[in-house]
Protein backbone atom coordinates (compact mmCIF):
# COMPACT_ATOMS: atom_id res chain seq x y z
CA MET A 1 -0.19 0.24 0.08
CA ARG A 2 1.11 3.43 -1.07
CA PRO A 3 1.81 5.55 2.32
CA LEU A 4 -0.03 8.26 2.85
CA PRO A 5 1.95 11.67 3.38
CA ALA A 6 2.38 13.26 7.06
CA PRO A 7 -0.61 15.26 8.64
CA VAL A 8 0.25 18.75 9.56
CA VAL A 9 -0.03 18.60 13.55
CA SER A 10 -2.33 21.10 14.83
CA MET A 11 -1.81 20.15 18.30
CA PRO A 12 1.62 19.20 19.30
CA PHE A 13 1.87 15.67 20.89
CA GLU A 14 3.30 15.47 24.04
CA ASN A 15 5.38 12.52 25.04
CA GLU A 16 4.71 11.12 28.78
CA LEU A 17 8.51 11.26 29.96
CA THR A 18 7.55 10.82 33.58
CA TYR A 19 10.91 10.59 35.20
CA HIS A 20 12.03 13.72 33.07
CA ARG A 21 9.21 15.98 34.42
CA PHE A 22 9.70 15.02 38.16
CA GLN A 23 13.42 15.83 38.08
CA GLU A 24 12.33 19.00 35.95
CA LYS A 25 10.37 20.06 38.86
CA GLY A 26 13.03 19.08 41.20
CA GLN A 27 10.83 16.04 42.79
CA GLY A 28 13.14 13.32 42.53
CA LYS A 29 12.40 12.19 46.06
CA LYS A 30 8.81 12.17 45.37
CA PHE A 31 9.41 9.89 41.98
CA HIS A 32 11.70 7.51 44.19
CA GLN A 33 8.87 7.53 47.32
CA SER A 34 6.09 6.89 44.44
CA TYR A 35 7.57 4.21 43.10
CA GLU A 36 8.74 2.53 46.28
CA ASP A 37 5.19 2.66 47.53
CA ALA A 38 3.74 1.50 44.47
CA LEU A 39 6.50 -1.87 44.83
CA GLU A 40 4.90 -2.75 48.09
CA GLU A 41 1.11 -2.42 46.58
CA VAL A 42 2.32 -5.02 43.71
CA ARG A 43 4.09 -7.60 45.65
CA ASP A 44 0.96 -8.15 47.50
CA LYS A 45 -0.31 -9.10 44.01
CA LEU A 46 1.71 -11.67 43.16
CA GLY A 47 1.43 -15.55 42.76
CA GLU A 48 -1.66 -16.13 41.52
CA THR A 49 -2.98 -18.17 38.91
CA HIS A 50 -4.23 -17.13 36.10
CA GLY A 51 -6.34 -18.53 32.86
CA LEU A 52 -6.14 -17.65 29.42
CA ARG A 53 -8.80 -14.95 28.90
CA ILE A 54 -11.08 -16.01 25.81
CA GLY A 55 -13.64 -13.55 25.18
CA SER A 56 -15.29 -12.91 28.51
CA GLU A 57 -14.28 -16.42 29.83
CA SER A 58 -11.00 -17.33 32.27
CA VAL A 59 -9.87 -20.72 30.81
CA GLU A 60 -8.11 -22.86 33.05
CA THR A 61 -5.66 -25.30 31.31
CA GLU A 62 -4.24 -28.87 31.92
CA GLU A 63 -0.64 -27.56 31.41
CA THR A 64 0.51 -24.52 33.29
CA PHE A 65 4.07 -22.52 33.83
CA THR A 66 5.31 -20.99 36.78
CA VAL A 67 7.22 -17.56 36.30
CA ARG A 68 9.75 -16.13 39.11
CA SER A 69 11.51 -12.66 39.27
CA PRO A 70 15.19 -13.02 37.16
CA GLY A 71 16.29 -10.75 39.91
CA ASP A 72 15.20 -13.13 42.48
CA HIS A 73 14.10 -16.64 41.93
CA ASP A 74 12.52 -17.05 45.67
CA LEU A 75 9.89 -14.32 44.20
CA VAL A 76 6.58 -16.21 42.20
CA ILE A 77 5.11 -13.57 39.66
CA GLY A 78 2.51 -15.93 39.15
CA THR A 79 1.23 -19.07 37.79
CA PHE A 80 -0.13 -19.27 34.07
CA ALA A 81 -2.23 -21.26 32.11
CA ALA A 82 -0.56 -22.84 29.05
CA ALA A 83 -2.47 -22.71 25.84
CA SER A 84 -3.06 -25.50 23.33
CA LYS A 85 -4.21 -24.96 19.44
CA GLU A 86 -7.65 -26.10 20.80
CA HIS A 87 -7.73 -23.21 22.88
CA ILE A 88 -6.20 -20.82 20.14
CA ASP A 89 -9.06 -21.89 17.82
CA GLN A 90 -11.36 -21.27 20.26
CA ALA A 91 -9.75 -17.90 21.11
CA VAL A 92 -9.50 -16.76 17.20
CA THR A 93 -13.19 -18.20 16.50
CA THR A 94 -14.25 -15.70 19.31
CA VAL A 95 -12.52 -12.36 17.85
CA LYS A 96 -13.89 -13.40 14.59
CA ASP A 97 -17.10 -13.61 15.41
CA ALA A 98 -16.64 -10.23 17.13
CA GLN A 99 -14.86 -8.17 14.35
CA ASN A 100 -17.69 -6.70 12.18
CA ASP A 101 -19.33 -5.07 15.26
CA TRP A 102 -15.97 -3.80 16.27
CA GLU A 103 -15.22 -2.13 13.14
CA HIS A 104 -18.67 -0.70 12.58
CA ALA A 105 -18.52 0.49 15.99
CA GLY A 106 -16.78 3.36 14.35
CA TYR A 107 -13.25 5.16 14.37
CA GLU A 108 -14.78 7.59 16.66
CA GLU A 109 -15.68 5.12 19.42
CA ARG A 110 -12.48 3.07 19.17
CA ALA A 111 -10.49 6.21 19.48
CA ARG A 112 -12.35 6.79 22.25
CA VAL A 113 -11.31 3.57 23.91
CA PHE A 114 -7.86 3.95 23.36
CA LYS A 115 -7.56 7.28 24.58
CA LYS A 116 -9.20 6.52 27.83
CA ALA A 117 -7.06 3.45 28.30
CA GLY A 118 -4.03 5.81 28.13
CA ASP A 119 -5.21 7.79 30.35
CA LEU A 120 -5.82 4.84 32.77
CA MET A 121 -2.99 3.72 32.47
CA ALA A 122 -0.95 7.18 33.23
CA ASP A 123 -3.15 7.14 36.53
CA HIS A 124 -1.92 3.41 37.04
CA LYS A 125 1.97 3.91 35.65
CA PHE A 126 3.80 3.46 39.10
CA GLN A 127 2.25 -0.38 39.69
CA LEU A 128 2.87 -1.12 36.23
CA ALA A 129 6.50 0.41 36.39
CA ALA A 130 6.69 -1.88 39.64
CA LEU A 131 5.61 -4.55 38.18
CA LEU A 132 7.65 -4.66 35.51
CA THR A 133 10.78 -4.20 37.71
CA LEU A 134 9.91 -7.35 39.23
CA GLU A 135 8.46 -9.42 36.63
CA ASN A 136 11.15 -8.43 33.73
CA GLY A 137 14.07 -6.76 35.84
CA LYS A 138 14.24 -3.47 34.53
CA ASN A 139 15.37 -0.52 37.09
CA ARG A 140 12.89 1.80 37.99
CA ILE A 141 14.03 4.44 35.57
CA GLU A 142 14.04 2.01 32.59
CA ALA A 143 10.83 0.24 33.88
CA MET A 144 9.30 3.61 33.99
CA ALA A 145 9.89 4.52 30.79
CA ASP A 146 8.43 1.25 29.36
CA VAL A 147 5.25 2.08 30.93
CA ASP A 148 5.51 6.03 29.02
CA GLU A 149 6.15 4.75 25.74
CA ALA A 150 2.93 2.44 26.10
CA ILE A 151 0.93 5.47 26.85
CA ASP A 152 2.18 7.43 24.32
CA PHE A 153 1.25 4.38 21.58
CA LEU A 154 -2.14 4.82 23.37
CA ARG A 155 -2.63 8.66 22.76
CA PHE A 156 -0.83 8.97 19.70
CA TYR A 157 -2.24 6.33 17.70
CA SER A 158 -5.98 7.78 18.92
CA ASP A 159 -4.68 11.07 17.77
CA GLU A 160 -3.65 10.04 14.30
CA LEU A 161 -7.02 7.74 13.67
CA GLU A 162 -9.20 11.16 14.79
CA ARG A 163 -7.15 13.51 12.65
CA HIS A 164 -7.50 11.38 9.15
CA LYS A 165 -11.46 10.56 10.29
CA GLY A 166 -10.95 6.95 10.26
CA TYR A 167 -8.68 6.88 7.11
CA VAL A 168 -11.66 7.81 4.84
CA TYR A 169 -11.65 10.12 1.95
CA ASP A 170 -14.61 11.51 -0.11
CA THR A 171 -13.06 11.99 -3.81
CA GLY A 172 -15.57 13.42 -5.18
CA GLU A 173 -17.27 12.90 -8.31
CA PRO A 174 -14.73 12.20 -10.99
CA VAL A 175 -17.13 11.84 -13.68
CA PRO A 176 -20.82 13.46 -13.12
CA GLY A 177 -23.39 11.18 -11.38
CA GLU A 178 -20.56 8.51 -9.86
CA HIS A 179 -19.91 9.56 -6.18
CA CYS A 180 -16.15 8.09 -5.14
CA THR A 181 -15.17 7.38 -1.90
CA ASN A 182 -11.38 5.81 -0.75
CA LEU A 183 -10.91 4.44 2.50
CA LEU A 184 -8.89 1.71 4.34
CA ARG A 185 -10.53 -0.95 6.14
CA PRO A 186 -9.20 -3.41 9.05
CA TYR A 187 -8.11 -7.20 7.60
CA GLY A 188 -10.38 -9.14 10.08
CA VAL A 189 -8.53 -10.79 12.89
CA PHE A 190 -4.24 -10.23 13.99
CA GLY A 191 -2.34 -12.37 16.07
CA VAL A 192 0.09 -9.60 18.47
CA VAL A 193 3.10 -11.85 19.30
CA ALA A 194 4.74 -9.67 21.67
CA PRO A 195 8.44 -9.65 23.53
CA PHE A 196 9.84 -9.88 26.96
CA ASN A 197 12.30 -6.80 26.82
CA PHE A 198 9.49 -4.23 26.54
CA PRO A 199 6.60 -6.07 27.61
CA CYS A 200 4.19 -3.16 28.12
CA ALA A 201 5.51 -0.73 25.65
CA ILE A 202 5.50 -3.47 22.35
CA PHE A 203 2.45 -5.13 23.63
CA THR A 204 0.57 -2.44 24.42
CA GLY A 205 1.88 -0.30 20.82
CA MET A 206 1.34 -3.68 18.69
CA SER A 207 -2.07 -4.72 20.41
CA ALA A 208 -3.61 -1.25 19.67
CA GLY A 209 -2.49 -0.69 16.43
CA ALA A 210 -3.92 -3.97 15.67
CA LEU A 211 -7.26 -3.30 17.64
CA ILE A 212 -7.75 0.55 17.22
CA THR A 213 -7.82 -0.08 13.29
CA GLY A 214 -11.22 -2.06 13.72
CA ASN A 215 -9.43 -5.40 13.65
CA THR A 216 -9.81 -7.86 16.67
CA ALA A 217 -7.22 -9.46 18.01
CA ILE A 218 -5.31 -12.36 19.52
CA LEU A 219 -2.59 -11.24 22.06
CA LYS A 220 0.16 -13.68 23.09
CA PRO A 221 2.86 -11.73 25.41
CA ALA A 222 6.39 -13.75 25.78
CA SER A 223 6.27 -16.77 28.47
CA ASP A 224 8.60 -14.82 30.75
CA THR A 225 6.31 -11.63 30.84
CA PRO A 226 2.74 -12.35 30.78
CA LEU A 227 1.22 -10.90 34.10
CA ILE A 228 2.05 -7.20 32.61
CA ALA A 229 -0.14 -8.51 29.65
CA HIS A 230 -3.08 -9.47 32.02
CA TRP A 231 -2.74 -5.84 33.71
CA VAL A 232 -2.84 -4.27 30.38
CA LEU A 233 -5.75 -5.91 29.00
CA ASP A 234 -7.67 -4.88 32.50
CA ILE A 235 -7.06 -1.16 31.51
CA PHE A 236 -8.11 -1.90 27.70
CA GLN A 237 -11.43 -3.40 29.18
CA GLU A 238 -11.64 -0.52 31.89
CA ALA A 239 -11.77 1.86 29.05
CA GLU A 240 -14.56 -0.35 27.47
CA LEU A 241 -12.95 -2.40 24.92
CA PRO A 242 -15.57 -5.58 23.99
CA GLU A 243 -14.62 -8.34 25.99
CA ASP A 244 -14.80 -10.22 22.74
CA ALA A 245 -12.47 -7.95 20.22
CA ALA A 246 -9.28 -9.42 22.55
CA SER A 247 -8.19 -12.61 23.42
CA LEU A 248 -5.24 -13.20 25.60
CA VAL A 249 -3.59 -16.34 25.61
CA THR A 250 -0.35 -17.59 27.23
CA GLY A 251 2.55 -19.75 26.78
CA GLY A 252 5.28 -21.12 24.61
CA GLY A 253 6.47 -20.11 21.05
CA ARG A 254 5.64 -23.66 19.56
CA GLU A 255 2.76 -24.68 21.48
CA ALA A 256 0.81 -20.88 21.59
CA GLY A 257 2.65 -18.97 18.53
CA GLN A 258 2.80 -21.11 16.46
CA PRO A 259 -0.79 -22.18 16.03
CA ILE A 260 -1.39 -18.52 16.02
CA VAL A 261 0.56 -18.00 12.79
CA GLU A 262 -0.86 -20.83 10.99
CA HIS A 263 -4.32 -20.65 12.04
CA PRO A 264 -6.42 -19.77 8.79
CA ASP A 265 -8.37 -17.26 10.30
CA VAL A 266 -5.90 -15.13 11.58
CA ASP A 267 -5.38 -12.81 8.74
CA GLY A 268 -2.64 -10.58 9.46
CA LEU A 269 0.20 -10.91 12.58
CA VAL A 270 2.05 -8.44 14.00
CA PHE A 271 5.56 -9.83 15.84
CA THR A 272 8.84 -8.15 17.70
CA GLY A 273 11.43 -10.90 18.20
CA SER A 274 13.81 -12.93 16.40
CA ARG A 275 14.61 -12.71 13.18
CA GLU A 276 14.35 -16.56 12.71
CA VAL A 277 10.65 -16.57 13.76
CA GLY A 278 9.78 -13.79 12.13
CA LEU A 279 10.73 -14.67 8.74
CA LYS A 280 9.20 -18.04 8.91
CA ALA A 281 6.16 -16.52 9.86
CA GLN A 282 6.58 -14.46 6.94
CA GLU A 283 7.09 -17.32 4.98
CA THR A 284 4.12 -19.32 6.46
CA PHE A 285 2.05 -16.37 5.57
CA ILE A 286 2.78 -16.44 1.95
CA GLU A 287 2.55 -20.30 1.87
CA GLN A 288 -1.12 -20.29 2.92
CA GLY A 289 -1.92 -17.16 0.85
CA LYS A 290 -3.04 -14.99 3.78
CA ARG A 291 -4.82 -11.46 2.84
CA GLY A 292 -3.10 -9.54 5.57
CA PRO A 293 0.50 -8.27 6.63
CA VAL A 294 3.10 -9.59 8.34
CA ILE A 295 4.28 -6.36 10.44
CA ALA A 296 7.67 -7.48 12.14
CA GLU A 297 10.44 -5.93 13.90
CA LEU A 298 13.24 -8.59 14.02
CA GLY A 299 16.44 -6.99 15.88
CA GLY A 300 19.52 -4.88 15.20
CA LYS A 301 23.61 -5.46 15.79
CA ASN A 302 23.88 -1.77 15.98
CA PRO A 303 27.19 0.17 15.38
CA VAL A 304 28.43 3.58 16.51
CA ILE A 305 31.12 5.56 14.87
CA VAL A 306 33.46 7.69 16.67
CA THR A 307 35.74 9.56 14.60
CA GLU A 308 38.87 11.63 15.09
CA ASN A 309 36.57 14.84 15.52
CA ALA A 310 34.47 13.06 18.66
CA ASP A 311 34.00 14.14 21.77
CA LEU A 312 35.31 11.43 23.94
CA ASP A 313 33.18 12.15 26.92
CA LYS A 314 29.81 12.29 24.78
CA ALA A 315 30.70 9.19 22.84
CA ILE A 316 31.70 7.36 25.95
CA ASN A 317 28.79 7.94 27.92
CA GLY A 318 26.35 7.17 24.96
CA VAL A 319 27.80 3.94 24.12
CA LYS A 320 28.38 2.82 27.75
CA LYS A 321 24.52 3.66 28.31
CA GLY A 322 23.42 2.38 24.96
CA ALA A 323 25.08 -0.66 25.39
CA PHE A 324 24.56 -2.06 28.95
CA GLY A 325 21.00 -0.47 29.49
CA PHE A 326 18.90 -3.22 30.62
CA SER A 327 21.88 -5.66 30.39
CA GLY A 328 21.75 -5.49 26.93
CA GLN A 329 18.43 -6.62 26.11
CA LYS A 330 17.00 -4.23 23.43
CA CYS A 331 17.17 -4.92 19.50
CA SER A 332 18.31 -1.06 19.70
CA ALA A 333 21.48 -1.63 21.57
CA THR A 334 24.75 -0.48 21.00
CA ALA A 335 26.69 -3.84 20.19
CA ARG A 336 29.61 -2.48 17.66
CA ALA A 337 32.20 0.12 17.85
CA TYR A 338 34.10 1.47 15.54
CA VAL A 339 36.60 4.18 16.65
CA HIS A 340 39.45 6.25 14.92
CA GLU A 341 42.53 4.66 15.26
CA ASP A 342 43.98 7.78 16.82
CA LEU A 343 41.38 7.80 19.90
CA ILE A 344 41.18 4.37 20.26
CA ASP A 345 43.17 3.41 23.20
CA GLU A 346 42.02 6.15 25.27
CA PHE A 347 38.61 5.74 24.12
CA THR A 348 38.46 1.84 25.13
CA GLU A 349 40.51 2.69 28.64
CA ARG A 350 37.78 5.16 29.77
CA LEU A 351 35.02 2.99 28.66
CA VAL A 352 36.39 0.31 30.78
CA GLN A 353 37.04 2.11 33.38
CA GLU A 354 33.49 3.68 33.83
CA THR A 355 31.90 0.11 32.79
CA GLU A 356 33.35 -1.43 35.88
CA GLU A 357 32.21 1.28 37.77
CA LEU A 358 28.06 0.43 37.05
CA VAL A 359 26.30 -0.29 39.68
CA ILE A 360 24.91 -3.79 39.23
CA GLY A 361 22.23 -4.99 41.73
CA PRO A 362 18.58 -5.80 42.49
CA PRO A 363 16.74 -4.08 39.88
CA GLU A 364 14.78 -1.90 42.66
CA GLU A 365 17.26 -1.05 44.17
CA GLU A 366 17.50 2.66 43.20
CA ASP A 367 21.17 3.40 42.77
CA THR A 368 20.80 -0.31 40.06
CA PHE A 369 21.85 0.78 36.49
CA ILE A 370 22.81 -2.91 35.45
CA SER A 371 19.57 -5.54 35.36
CA PRO A 372 19.38 -8.99 35.45
CA ILE A 373 19.57 -11.21 32.29
CA ILE A 374 15.72 -12.71 31.68
CA ASN A 375 16.01 -16.49 31.56
CA ASP A 376 18.70 -19.70 31.77
CA ASP A 377 18.70 -19.94 28.16
CA ALA A 378 19.99 -16.24 27.97
CA LEU A 379 22.74 -17.12 30.80
CA GLU A 380 23.51 -20.43 28.55
CA ARG A 381 24.13 -18.17 25.52
CA TYR A 382 26.28 -15.26 27.64
CA GLU A 383 28.46 -18.19 28.98
CA ARG A 384 28.80 -19.76 25.42
CA ILE A 385 29.40 -15.80 23.44
CA VAL A 386 32.06 -15.23 26.82
CA ALA A 387 34.03 -18.29 25.76
CA THR A 388 34.48 -17.93 22.32
CA ALA A 389 35.24 -14.38 23.09
CA GLU A 390 37.86 -15.30 25.15
CA GLU A 391 39.65 -17.67 22.61
CA ASP A 392 39.41 -15.81 19.59
CA GLY A 393 39.91 -12.06 21.05
CA ASP A 394 40.87 -9.76 23.96
CA LEU A 395 38.31 -10.10 26.69
CA LEU A 396 38.70 -6.65 28.45
CA THR A 397 36.12 -6.51 31.03
CA GLY A 398 33.02 -8.56 32.10
CA GLY A 399 32.66 -12.42 30.90
CA GLU A 400 31.25 -13.62 34.29
CA ILE A 401 28.47 -15.01 36.22
CA LEU A 402 27.63 -12.41 39.32
CA GLU A 403 26.78 -14.51 42.83
CA ASP A 404 27.57 -12.86 45.29
CA GLY A 405 25.43 -11.57 47.94
CA ASP A 406 21.99 -10.59 46.28
CA LEU A 407 23.09 -11.38 42.99
CA GLY A 408 23.40 -14.88 43.82
CA ASN A 409 19.58 -15.25 43.84
CA GLY A 410 18.96 -13.95 40.04
CA ARG A 411 20.47 -14.01 36.90
CA PHE A 412 23.44 -11.74 36.97
CA VAL A 413 26.44 -11.04 34.49
CA ALA A 414 28.81 -8.60 33.91
CA PRO A 415 28.99 -5.84 31.10
CA THR A 416 31.81 -7.34 28.79
CA ILE A 417 33.83 -5.57 26.32
CA VAL A 418 35.88 -6.95 23.80
CA LYS A 419 38.35 -5.72 21.10
CA ASP A 420 40.88 -8.02 18.59
CA ILE A 421 37.48 -9.54 17.24
CA PRO A 422 37.53 -9.12 13.28
CA HIS A 423 34.55 -7.52 11.77
CA ASP A 424 33.66 -10.47 9.65
CA HIS A 425 33.78 -12.62 13.10
CA ALA A 426 30.20 -13.91 14.64
CA LEU A 427 30.43 -12.10 17.74
CA ALA A 428 30.61 -8.64 15.62
CA ARG A 429 27.64 -9.95 13.07
CA GLU A 430 24.77 -11.69 15.22
CA GLU A 431 22.52 -10.32 17.62
CA HIS A 432 23.32 -11.90 21.12
CA PHE A 433 20.66 -9.50 23.45
CA LEU A 434 23.43 -9.36 26.23
CA PRO A 435 25.38 -6.75 27.87
CA PHE A 436 28.32 -7.61 25.34
CA LEU A 437 30.31 -5.13 22.96
CA THR A 438 32.79 -5.08 20.40
CA ILE A 439 35.21 -2.46 19.55
CA HIS A 440 37.17 -2.27 16.11
CA PRO A 441 39.54 0.51 15.28
CA ILE A 442 38.92 2.20 11.92
CA GLY A 443 41.51 5.05 9.96
CA SER A 444 38.52 6.84 8.47
CA LEU A 445 34.52 8.02 8.43
CA GLU A 446 33.92 5.58 5.13
CA GLU A 447 35.55 3.01 6.91
CA GLY A 448 33.25 2.95 9.76
CA ILE A 449 30.44 3.65 7.37
CA GLU A 450 31.49 0.46 5.13
CA LYS A 451 31.95 -1.54 8.17
CA SER A 452 28.86 -0.08 9.36
CA ASN A 453 26.41 -0.99 6.65
CA ASP A 454 28.09 -4.30 6.10
CA SER A 455 25.49 -6.38 8.32
CA ASP A 456 22.44 -8.02 7.56
CA TYR A 457 20.56 -5.70 9.98
CA ALA A 458 19.76 -1.91 9.66
CA LEU A 459 17.64 -1.02 13.09
CA CYS A 460 19.90 1.86 14.80
CA ALA A 461 22.98 3.83 14.10
CA GLY A 462 24.97 6.42 15.94
CA LEU A 463 27.99 8.75 15.37
CA PHE A 464 30.28 10.79 17.86
CA THR A 465 31.55 14.12 15.71
CA GLU A 466 31.84 17.59 15.94
CA ASP A 467 32.50 17.87 12.40
CA GLY A 468 29.31 18.89 10.60
CA ASP A 469 30.30 17.82 7.14
CA GLU A 470 31.06 14.29 8.79
CA VAL A 471 27.63 13.95 9.75
CA LYS A 472 26.28 15.04 6.56
CA THR A 473 27.87 12.49 5.15
CA TRP A 474 26.86 9.71 7.56
CA PHE A 475 23.44 10.79 7.33
CA ASP A 476 23.78 10.31 3.52
CA GLU A 477 25.15 6.93 3.45
CA ILE A 478 24.39 4.97 6.45
CA GLU A 479 21.72 2.18 6.18
CA SER A 480 20.01 2.38 9.09
CA GLY A 481 15.89 2.83 10.07
CA MET A 482 17.14 4.90 12.92
CA THR A 483 20.30 7.29 13.13
CA TYR A 484 21.60 9.41 16.28
CA VAL A 485 24.31 11.79 16.25
CA ASN A 486 26.43 12.80 19.56
CA ARG A 487 23.29 10.85 21.65
CA ALA A 488 25.47 10.96 24.93
CA LYS A 489 22.58 9.68 27.37
CA SER A 490 22.07 6.50 25.24
CA ALA A 491 24.37 6.59 21.44
CA THR A 492 21.48 4.28 20.21
CA THR A 493 18.51 3.43 22.30
CA GLY A 494 15.49 5.24 23.68
CA ALA A 495 13.23 5.89 21.06
CA LEU A 496 10.19 8.26 21.70
CA VAL A 497 7.03 8.06 20.07
CA GLN A 498 6.63 10.63 17.46
CA ALA A 499 9.43 12.03 17.37
CA GLN A 500 11.58 8.97 16.58
CA PRO A 501 9.24 6.21 15.12
CA PHE A 502 10.79 3.19 16.03
CA GLY A 503 12.04 0.63 12.82
CA GLY A 504 14.52 -0.69 10.74
CA TRP A 505 15.67 -1.49 7.08
CA LYS A 506 16.87 -4.59 5.78
CA PHE A 507 16.41 -7.66 8.05
CA SER A 508 15.53 -5.55 10.99
CA GLY A 509 12.00 -5.37 9.91
CA THR A 510 9.67 -6.27 7.23
CA THR A 511 7.59 -2.94 6.67
CA GLY A 512 9.78 0.18 6.12
CA THR A 513 7.47 1.48 8.41
CA PHE A 514 7.67 2.32 11.95
CA ALA A 515 6.03 2.05 15.22
CA GLY A 516 5.03 5.21 16.86
CA GLY A 517 5.02 7.33 13.75
CA TYR A 518 2.33 8.39 11.09
CA TRP A 519 2.49 5.58 8.78
CA TYR A 520 2.03 2.42 11.26
CA LEU A 521 -1.87 2.22 11.59
CA PRO A 522 -2.27 1.96 7.34
CA GLN A 523 -0.60 -1.15 7.72
CA PHE A 524 -3.30 -2.85 9.99
CA MET A 525 -5.34 -1.82 6.76
CA ARG A 526 -6.39 -2.59 3.24
CA GLU A 527 -7.52 -0.15 1.05
CA GLN A 528 -10.76 -0.08 -0.76
CA SER A 529 -12.68 2.19 -3.42
CA ARG A 530 -16.38 3.06 -3.38
CA THR A 531 -18.51 4.20 -6.48
CA VAL A 532 -22.14 4.95 -6.51
CA ILE A 533 -23.92 5.75 -9.56
CA GLN A 534 -26.06 8.91 -8.53
CA ASP A 535 -29.59 8.46 -10.30
CA GLU A 536 -30.27 11.67 -12.48
């Protein structure tokens, strides 16, 4: 579908930015106290059993799974129903039967529901952030940013739907007596398959994109983070989303996710996760002759170039925070640094020193920066890549599983920096989703651009230079969906809805159209031209 032109925004959209706004008002202590109060409140709600949610029914299953906090294995988040193919069939039938009524509720009603959901989410933001910390291990600042992004998605998409009047255009009478209308209509039923790393923001944004456009949806959160999805659906339903418009199913990818992809009555899929799974889903859709799209974000191996004209203070801070925030468990994480040979020794020495000063601790503690990693598979992956790094490169810091004190009851690993890894080595080319950075020397900006672009991924890229000509050259030549220059707070992470739409080129995405941007919602719909012959 040809994208519509970006509209002129009459009322500026404002991002939620909770922590920033508290700091701006000199209310940092109030922020932390509100979070800690919410943490105690949320702890009292953990440990319950949760069924599947198929329409208005809570469905218990024979198979269940238990989720524990990655930062404290003694803390049980809850026990959850594990869906089977039969449950997916039931869920799809339920939402399919509801789709026509939801579409014809009208765009004003759908926008109202999700605008109200954004307000409700804002009212409960500290509780949601506290749950995120306990369920997926984000520190309080990152957890609140996750919730803020979810609120932004709900409000921005509601605004967009209203601004475009439901994407219906009266195209007049090109021929006398023939009145024409052009519009976008939903495909029908969407599968929504979400990741663990932004379990509020991405789950909310993808679900809202599918539902606000008039589709109904099967919602499947990651099996590591199912409780936050239940809370988000509670908010949607409190905002008066019809119960039959969305079903929530939990379980593993093979048992619950794959039947969604393969179901003949699922018309479209929105997915964030691994390249392998996303491309396989796209292949399944093609083979089955599906009517709708696979809207997928599939990861990154994000480069940063530090030229000889860089401000090293900015570069070191940006790379450190971009690589190791949330322990590198972001598809936008900084993964490879290409540093000019005249600066690389000082850059590396200072980066290693500052990385070793980062606070690693339980994620709910105020000073913690480095978070636990999500599950045992990630821990095993860390051990494998560290062993390879020690054999094939020079491991400068990190490489350890941390088990002292409070860390011993969670999954904590040291942020790891490696040099002397060849540019074409697997460690410098494959996404690891861990706190792992490789550093490579370059002789020029041109060499850095060539090596940055020599990748199957093209999600995020960063540049540090004080030379305006280098900035222009880099913007013209870098192959990346999201680009940042001199971003000291994080070289490649931290995109904001509307201002910095999130998505990638090449194998980093399937559509070239980004979440949180002006062209996101039309992907969930298909075009229809209508002509009515008027009687003379």
